[in-house]
Every structure is written in C-alpha cells, then in structure tokens.
C-alpha cells in the first residue's frame, strides 16, 4: 500500500547533504539579509537610491568638498538657447545645461541635485529624530505600564490632535529661516514621532508577556537588560519599517512646506521650493517642473520599496517550505495535516460513497 507521505514526496527520514554542501545554521541577521535580497523591488529601490545619492553628492559637492560639475546652484551663467535642456540620451550627452536654465540663467541640473541633497538630508534627520523619540516614549509606556504609560500616552494624544502640517509650518518656518535645513528636519522630527510611539508601545505590550521575558526575570535580569537585550531586538522590524515610512512622508511634508514658502528659505533650495519658484512657467517651460518632480517621485518610491522589503524580511510568517514535486508553496502545519489524511484509493471510492455518514 502506498504511504500518504510518499504521495506528497516528503522524505520519511533526513537525507544526506550534497557533496560540498555546507550545513549550518543562519543567524537572524543573515536570515533577514537573505530575505531582503530576495525582494526584487527592495533591491532595485536601494540601488536607485544609492545612485541618486552618489550623483547628488559627487556632482556639486558637499560643504567644502567640490564636485565634478562646472556650475553651482548659486551661479547665474548666460542664458543659452532659451534655457532649453541640452541632455541627449541617444547618443548620451549632457551638454552645457542638461536640465535647462531658469529665467535668470541658473543651471537646473545643479539646483535639482542641491534640492535632492537637502530633501534627503531632511528625510534622514526626520527619520532619525522621530524614531528615537517614538521608540523611547513607546517602549517606556509599553514596558512599565501604570502611571508612566498614562502620562506618556496622554502626552502623545495631545500631540496627535495638533494638525501635523500646521505644527510643521509654524516651527518649520522659523527653523528654515534661522537654522537651515538641519534644524527644519529636527523640528519636523519632533512633531512626527507619535505614530512610531503608539506602534512601539503595542509591540512592547505584546512582547513583555512572552515566555522568554518571564525567563529573563526569573534569572534576575534587570529592566534595562530585558528591554535592550530581549524585547528591543524583537521589535526592530516594526521600528525599521516605520522609520522608512516616516522618511518617505518627511519628503512630502518638506515639499509641501517649501511649495507654500514655509520650508527651505533662499538662497538655499529644495525640490519643493524649485517647483514653487517656477510654477508660473508651467505652460512655457515645463522642464523646470519635470526634473524636481521626477526626483521627488523616484526618492519616495525607492524609500517605500525599501520599506516593503524590510517588512517582508523581518516578518517571521514569510518563512515557508516548498515540497519536492509540488508546484505550490505550503506551510509546515499544512504538511502535517495533509500527512494525517488517508489517501482516497480508486478501489475504495465507491465504498466510501455508499457508507457516507455511517460509523
């Protein structure tokens, strides 16, 4: 009689490893990295993001470091060819002004890359500050509970009821005028941490009741060790994924503020301020909008794809097995259930039908 396990092509006992095949366990970091590399969108997103970052830094330089492009975003060379772009793809050629020139002759290639620098700088600052504040408040509220949770979460609720765009406009305008893009990102991060705090609190509430935390308490571990050695590493997936979402929304918030004149102030530029400054030329010189808008879309899509890849990489429910000889992927509980169901043999089909419902 054929065994049900043999019909599923599941080996009844472990098979020997292939010659030269190394059998070893993988750490959590290597498992996450392997899953992330298997996510095509995330890999493409991080490659494109790195290319944009390298281009923005190397072309016009950063701080005292000069770049390889001959113009800066503050120079006003002579207006050439009506300010039309000189970029050619076939054959590839940058020309004198690849992205064109604005009404006063400034090079849009240098200005767009400077705007990308500022937007990514603000994005990183907002993501870092919001993640730090949100993790500290959410972890403290979820772990200690009681009065600590009541005070911290009521404070979080007070921040949530304030419209974030209005709060960002008030503090962002002051920061953008007196402190520059870094301070603008700092203030935007201080009003963007509430969602992270609530998510981390919920995760800590669940993790603090797990068996490994009880075992650590019985072993005499302090609260600090339990938080940083046991609970926080298990919450790193939620923190990482939501940090990428905060960064993506930070670019859009900065773009909206700069578009209405409350973000990055002249003589500095950002992608949003470039669109705002050239909105009157939309019908006559649309290329002044194409390149800043394209960079905003590309950066946001890359960050979102990276976040999707990190979510799948940190999700333990993504681990599945593929049975040999079967075309669909099933989970371990499904294999056990299928193995316990007797196979319907052709000679017994009619017998089972005649006695259906009988003991």
Protein backbone atom coordinates (compact mmCIF):
# COMPACT_ATOMS: atom_id res chain seq x y z
CA UNK A 1 0.00 0.00 0.00
CA UNK A 2 1.32 3.41 -0.92
CA UNK A 3 2.09 5.69 2.02
CA UNK A 4 0.45 9.13 2.14
CA UNK A 5 3.83 10.66 2.87
CA UNK A 6 5.27 9.12 -0.28
CA UNK A 7 2.40 10.56 -2.34
CA UNK A 8 3.35 14.03 -1.04
CA UNK A 9 7.02 13.35 -1.88
CA UNK A 10 8.01 14.14 1.73
CA UNK A 11 11.08 12.12 2.80
CA UNK A 12 10.42 10.00 5.87
CA UNK A 13 13.97 10.46 7.17
CA UNK A 14 16.68 13.08 6.67
CA UNK A 15 18.68 12.78 3.50
CA UNK A 16 22.44 13.21 3.31
CA UNK A 17 23.80 16.57 2.25
CA UNK A 18 25.03 17.02 -1.29
CA UNK A 19 28.79 16.73 -1.80
CA UNK A 20 30.41 20.04 -0.97
CA UNK A 21 27.20 21.41 0.58
CA UNK A 22 27.77 23.11 3.92
CA UNK A 23 25.05 22.52 6.50
CA UNK A 24 24.98 25.21 9.14
CA UNK A 25 22.53 27.43 11.00
CA UNK A 26 21.94 31.02 9.98
CA UNK A 27 21.83 33.92 12.39
CA UNK A 28 18.83 36.23 12.50
CA UNK A 29 20.77 38.94 10.68
CA UNK A 30 21.73 36.62 7.83
CA UNK A 31 18.17 35.37 7.50
CA UNK A 32 16.87 38.95 7.29
CA UNK A 33 19.56 39.86 4.74
CA UNK A 34 18.74 36.80 2.63
CA UNK A 35 15.03 37.62 2.61
CA UNK A 36 15.74 41.25 1.79
CA UNK A 37 17.94 40.29 -1.16
CA UNK A 38 15.12 38.08 -2.39
CA UNK A 39 12.79 41.08 -2.64
CA UNK A 40 13.36 42.45 -6.15
CA UNK A 41 11.64 45.79 -5.57
CA UNK A 42 13.67 46.50 -2.43
CA UNK A 43 16.97 45.65 -4.13
CA UNK A 44 16.16 47.84 -7.13
CA UNK A 45 14.96 50.61 -4.82
CA UNK A 46 18.11 50.67 -2.71
CA UNK A 47 20.33 50.58 -5.83
CA UNK A 48 18.50 53.52 -7.42
CA UNK A 49 18.54 55.44 -4.14
CA UNK A 50 22.30 54.95 -3.79
CA UNK A 51 22.82 56.11 -7.39
CA UNK A 52 20.78 59.28 -6.76
CA UNK A 53 22.65 59.94 -3.51
CA UNK A 54 26.08 59.47 -5.10
CA UNK A 55 25.10 61.65 -8.07
CA UNK A 56 23.80 64.44 -5.83
CA UNK A 57 26.93 64.47 -3.67
CA UNK A 58 29.60 63.93 -6.32
CA UNK A 59 28.24 66.30 -8.97
CA UNK A 60 28.01 69.55 -6.99
CA UNK A 61 29.99 68.55 -3.90
CA UNK A 62 29.02 68.72 -0.26
CA UNK A 63 30.13 71.55 2.01
CA UNK A 64 33.78 72.43 1.32
CA UNK A 65 34.22 69.42 -0.98
CA UNK A 66 33.90 70.43 -4.67
CA UNK A 67 32.05 68.36 -7.26
CA UNK A 68 32.78 67.46 -10.85
CA UNK A 69 30.02 69.65 -12.35
CA UNK A 70 31.20 73.04 -13.60
CA UNK A 71 28.29 75.09 -12.21
CA UNK A 72 26.94 75.57 -8.71
CA UNK A 73 23.32 76.14 -7.74
CA UNK A 74 24.07 79.81 -6.98
CA UNK A 75 25.86 80.75 -10.20
CA UNK A 76 23.99 82.65 -12.93
CA UNK A 77 25.67 81.95 -16.28
CA UNK A 78 24.47 83.44 -19.54
CA UNK A 79 21.09 82.18 -20.72
CA UNK A 80 21.64 79.84 -23.67
CA UNK A 81 19.14 78.54 -26.23
CA UNK A 82 16.21 79.99 -24.32
CA UNK A 83 17.04 77.84 -21.29
CA UNK A 84 16.10 74.56 -23.03
CA UNK A 85 17.65 71.29 -21.73
CA UNK A 86 20.72 70.03 -23.59
CA UNK A 87 20.50 66.42 -22.34
CA UNK A 88 20.64 63.80 -25.10
CA UNK A 89 20.10 60.08 -24.47
CA UNK A 90 20.92 58.67 -27.95
CA UNK A 91 23.82 59.26 -28.05
CA UNK A 92 24.24 60.13 -24.39
CA UNK A 93 25.42 63.68 -23.92
CA UNK A 94 24.92 66.07 -21.00
CA UNK A 95 25.70 69.27 -22.84
CA UNK A 96 26.10 72.66 -21.23
CA UNK A 97 22.85 72.61 -19.20
CA UNK A 98 21.32 69.09 -19.14
CA UNK A 99 18.14 70.10 -17.25
CA UNK A 100 17.91 73.60 -18.75
CA UNK A 101 18.07 77.01 -17.10
CA UNK A 102 15.58 79.09 -15.14
CA UNK A 103 14.54 82.63 -16.01
CA UNK A 104 17.72 84.20 -14.61
CA UNK A 105 20.07 81.62 -16.12
CA UNK A 106 20.82 79.35 -13.13
CA UNK A 107 21.67 75.78 -14.05
CA UNK A 108 18.74 73.48 -13.23
CA UNK A 109 20.97 70.40 -13.08
CA UNK A 110 22.96 71.87 -10.18
CA UNK A 111 19.82 73.25 -8.50
CA UNK A 112 17.93 69.96 -8.77
CA UNK A 113 20.82 67.97 -7.31
CA UNK A 114 21.15 70.51 -4.49
CA UNK A 115 17.43 70.16 -3.86
CA UNK A 116 17.83 66.37 -3.75
CA UNK A 117 20.66 66.78 -1.22
CA UNK A 118 18.51 68.99 1.02
CA UNK A 119 15.45 66.75 0.75
CA UNK A 120 17.42 63.60 1.60
CA UNK A 121 19.17 65.40 4.46
CA UNK A 122 15.82 66.44 5.91
CA UNK A 123 14.46 62.93 5.30
CA UNK A 124 17.30 61.31 7.25
CA UNK A 125 17.06 63.84 10.09
CA UNK A 126 13.29 63.45 10.44
CA UNK A 127 13.51 59.66 10.36
CA UNK A 128 16.28 59.55 12.98
CA UNK A 129 14.71 62.04 15.41
CA UNK A 130 11.17 60.66 15.08
CA UNK A 131 12.40 57.08 15.50
CA UNK A 132 14.46 57.89 18.62
CA UNK A 133 11.71 59.88 20.34
CA UNK A 134 8.99 57.42 19.34
CA UNK A 135 10.95 54.36 20.47
CA UNK A 136 11.86 55.89 23.85
CA UNK A 137 8.31 57.01 24.64
CA UNK A 138 6.59 53.93 23.22
CA UNK A 139 8.98 51.47 24.84
CA UNK A 140 8.74 53.17 28.24
CA UNK A 141 4.93 53.25 28.10
CA UNK A 142 4.61 49.65 26.95
CA UNK A 143 7.10 48.15 29.37
CA UNK A 144 6.50 50.00 32.64
CA UNK A 145 2.72 50.46 32.27
CA UNK A 146 0.84 52.15 35.15
CA UNK A 147 1.37 55.85 35.73
CA UNK A 148 4.29 56.01 33.28
CA UNK A 149 2.08 54.73 30.47
CA UNK A 150 -0.80 57.05 31.42
CA UNK A 151 1.38 60.19 31.41
CA UNK A 152 3.30 59.36 28.24
CA UNK A 153 0.29 58.29 26.20
CA UNK A 154 -1.79 61.32 27.27
CA UNK A 155 1.11 63.50 26.14
CA UNK A 156 1.18 61.58 22.86
CA UNK A 157 -2.58 62.11 22.42
CA UNK A 158 -2.09 65.85 22.91
CA UNK A 159 0.50 65.92 20.13
CA UNK A 160 -1.69 63.80 17.84
CA UNK A 161 -4.67 66.18 17.96
CA UNK A 162 -2.50 69.02 16.65
CA UNK A 163 -2.64 69.03 12.81
CA UNK A 164 0.88 67.96 11.85
CA UNK A 165 1.11 70.16 8.76
CA UNK A 166 0.12 73.28 10.72
CA UNK A 167 2.57 72.48 13.52
CA UNK A 168 5.30 71.76 10.98
CA UNK A 169 4.53 75.04 9.19
CA UNK A 170 4.80 77.08 12.40
CA UNK A 171 8.03 75.59 13.70
CA UNK A 172 9.41 74.74 10.27
CA UNK A 173 9.21 78.30 9.00
CA UNK A 174 11.16 79.58 12.00
CA UNK A 175 13.71 76.77 11.74
CA UNK A 176 14.07 77.17 7.98
CA UNK A 177 14.66 80.92 8.30
CA UNK A 178 17.15 80.91 11.18
CA UNK A 179 18.60 77.42 11.39
CA UNK A 180 18.74 75.98 7.88
CA UNK A 181 17.64 72.56 6.58
CA UNK A 182 19.09 70.57 9.50
CA UNK A 183 17.05 72.48 12.06
CA UNK A 184 14.00 72.23 9.81
CA UNK A 185 14.39 68.44 9.82
CA UNK A 186 14.91 68.50 13.58
CA UNK A 187 11.65 70.34 14.22
CA UNK A 188 9.75 68.20 11.73
CA UNK A 189 11.02 65.10 13.52
CA UNK A 190 9.79 66.44 16.86
CA UNK A 191 6.20 66.55 15.55
CA UNK A 192 6.29 63.26 13.60
CA UNK A 193 7.05 60.66 16.29
CA UNK A 194 3.52 59.94 17.57
CA UNK A 195 2.71 57.09 15.18
CA UNK A 196 6.01 55.38 15.95
CA UNK A 197 5.37 55.69 19.70
CA UNK A 198 1.95 54.04 19.50
CA UNK A 199 3.23 51.18 17.35
CA UNK A 200 6.24 50.50 19.58
CA UNK A 201 4.03 50.63 22.68
CA UNK A 202 1.70 48.00 21.22
CA UNK A 203 4.62 45.77 20.29
CA UNK A 204 6.17 46.08 23.76
CA UNK A 205 2.82 45.29 25.41
CA UNK A 206 2.76 42.02 23.49
CA UNK A 207 6.42 41.10 23.92
CA UNK A 208 6.62 41.79 27.66
CA UNK A 209 4.18 38.92 28.29
CA UNK A 210 6.19 36.35 26.34
CA UNK A 211 7.88 33.36 27.95
CA UNK A 212 11.45 34.48 27.25
CA UNK A 213 10.83 37.71 29.18
CA UNK A 214 9.48 35.74 32.15
CA UNK A 215 12.54 33.52 32.00
CA UNK A 216 14.83 36.55 32.00
CA UNK A 217 13.04 37.97 35.04
CA UNK A 218 13.39 34.67 36.91
CA UNK A 219 17.09 34.65 36.04
CA UNK A 220 17.46 38.02 37.77
CA UNK A 221 17.86 40.26 34.71
CA UNK A 222 17.33 43.97 35.27
CA UNK A 223 14.70 46.00 33.44
CA UNK A 224 17.40 47.65 31.35
CA UNK A 225 18.79 44.29 30.21
CA UNK A 226 15.32 42.94 29.45
CA UNK A 227 14.47 45.98 27.33
CA UNK A 228 17.72 46.22 25.36
CA UNK A 229 18.71 42.55 25.15
CA UNK A 230 15.39 40.74 24.87
CA UNK A 231 12.46 42.95 23.84
CA UNK A 232 14.02 45.65 21.64
CA UNK A 233 15.75 43.20 19.24
CA UNK A 234 12.38 41.53 18.65
CA UNK A 235 10.76 44.91 17.90
CA UNK A 236 13.43 46.06 15.46
CA UNK A 237 11.28 45.03 12.49
CA UNK A 238 8.43 47.36 13.43
CA UNK A 239 10.87 50.18 14.18
CA UNK A 240 12.83 49.82 10.94
CA UNK A 241 9.82 49.57 8.65
CA UNK A 242 8.03 52.54 10.20
CA UNK A 243 11.21 54.60 10.11
CA UNK A 244 11.28 54.21 6.32
CA UNK A 245 7.64 55.28 6.13
CA UNK A 246 8.45 58.34 8.25
CA UNK A 247 11.27 59.23 5.88
CA UNK A 248 9.01 58.96 2.84
CA UNK A 249 6.35 61.17 4.40
CA UNK A 250 9.03 63.65 5.53
CA UNK A 251 10.00 64.34 1.92
CA UNK A 252 6.38 65.06 1.00
CA UNK A 253 5.92 67.28 4.09
CA UNK A 254 9.06 69.26 3.30
CA UNK A 255 7.95 69.58 -0.33
CA UNK A 256 4.55 70.88 0.72
CA UNK A 257 6.05 73.40 3.16
CA UNK A 258 8.62 74.61 0.64
CA UNK A 259 5.95 74.89 -2.03
CA UNK A 260 3.98 77.41 0.07
CA UNK A 261 7.15 79.21 1.15
CA UNK A 262 7.34 77.90 4.73
CA UNK A 263 10.15 75.39 4.30
CA UNK A 264 13.69 75.85 3.00
CA UNK A 265 14.38 79.55 2.54
CA UNK A 266 16.51 81.26 -0.18
CA UNK A 267 19.31 81.31 -1.14
CA UNK A 268 19.17 77.57 -0.43
CA UNK A 269 16.83 75.39 -2.49
CA UNK A 270 14.88 72.16 -2.15
CA UNK A 271 12.85 70.12 -4.60
CA UNK A 272 9.63 71.67 -3.32
CA UNK A 273 10.94 75.23 -3.48
CA UNK A 274 12.09 74.67 -7.09
CA UNK A 275 8.57 73.67 -8.10
CA UNK A 276 7.11 76.63 -6.22
CA UNK A 277 9.56 79.14 -7.73
CA UNK A 278 8.83 78.02 -11.30
CA UNK A 279 5.09 77.43 -11.12
CA UNK A 280 4.36 80.46 -13.32
CA UNK A 281 6.38 78.90 -16.16
CA UNK A 282 4.45 75.63 -16.26
CA UNK A 283 2.96 76.22 -19.73
CA UNK A 284 6.03 77.80 -21.34
CA UNK A 285 8.99 75.88 -19.77
CA UNK A 286 7.62 72.64 -18.31
CA UNK A 287 11.08 71.11 -17.92
CA UNK A 288 11.54 73.29 -14.85
CA UNK A 289 8.91 71.02 -13.20
CA UNK A 290 9.84 67.70 -14.74
CA UNK A 291 13.19 67.18 -13.07
CA UNK A 292 12.38 68.26 -9.47
CA UNK A 293 9.09 66.33 -9.63
CA UNK A 294 10.83 63.26 -11.06
CA UNK A 295 13.41 63.26 -8.27
CA UNK A 296 10.67 63.56 -5.63
CA UNK A 297 8.79 60.59 -7.10
CA UNK A 298 11.93 58.47 -7.50
CA UNK A 299 13.17 59.09 -3.94
CA UNK A 300 9.75 58.40 -2.39
CA UNK A 301 9.26 55.21 -4.43
CA UNK A 302 12.73 53.95 -3.51
CA UNK A 303 12.14 54.53 0.20
CA UNK A 304 8.72 52.82 0.03
CA UNK A 305 10.13 49.81 -1.83
CA UNK A 306 12.93 49.52 0.73
CA UNK A 307 10.31 49.63 3.49
CA UNK A 308 8.32 46.85 1.82
CA UNK A 309 11.44 44.72 1.56
CA UNK A 310 12.32 45.28 5.21
CA UNK A 311 8.76 44.42 6.28
CA UNK A 312 8.91 41.11 4.41
CA UNK A 313 12.43 40.40 5.67
CA UNK A 314 11.56 40.93 9.34
CA UNK A 315 8.19 39.13 9.18
CA UNK A 316 8.67 35.59 10.55
CA UNK A 317 5.45 34.43 8.86
CA UNK A 318 7.21 34.74 5.48
CA UNK A 319 9.15 31.51 6.17
CA UNK A 320 7.68 28.72 4.07
CA UNK A 321 8.87 25.47 2.52
CA UNK A 322 8.47 24.07 -0.95
CA UNK A 323 7.68 20.36 -1.20
CA UNK A 324 9.52 18.45 -3.90
CA UNK A 325 7.30 17.56 -6.81
CA UNK A 326 4.59 20.09 -5.89
CA UNK A 327 4.09 23.40 -7.67
CA UNK A 328 2.62 25.39 -4.79
CA UNK A 329 4.23 26.54 -1.56
CA UNK A 330 2.65 25.33 1.67
CA UNK A 331 3.44 25.93 5.33
CA UNK A 332 4.53 23.36 7.87
CA UNK A 333 1.11 22.94 9.56
CA UNK A 334 -0.41 22.17 6.16
CA UNK A 335 2.09 19.39 5.60
CA UNK A 336 1.27 17.74 8.91
CA UNK A 337 -2.47 17.97 8.24
CA UNK A 338 -2.12 16.53 4.74
CA UNK A 339 0.03 13.69 6.05
CA UNK A 340 -2.66 12.61 8.55
CA UNK A 341 -5.49 12.42 5.98
CA UNK A 342 -5.75 8.95 4.35
CA UNK A 343 -5.38 8.91 0.59
CA UNK A 344 -8.57 8.01 -1.34
CA UNK A 345 -7.69 4.92 -3.35
CA UNK A 346 -9.62 4.33 -6.58
CA UNK A 347 -10.88 0.93 -5.48
CA UNK A 348 -12.42 2.39 -2.32
CA UNK A 349 -14.12 5.50 -3.78
CA UNK A 350 -17.46 3.77 -4.33
CA UNK A 351 -17.27 2.03 -0.95
CA UNK A 352 -16.74 5.36 0.85
CA UNK A 353 -19.65 6.91 -1.03
CA UNK A 354 -22.06 4.07 -0.17
CA UNK A 355 -21.27 4.22 3.54
CA UNK A 356 -21.09 8.01 3.89
CA UNK A 357 -22.22 9.11 7.31
CA UNK A 358 -22.11 5.58 8.82
CA UNK A 359 -19.70 4.76 11.72
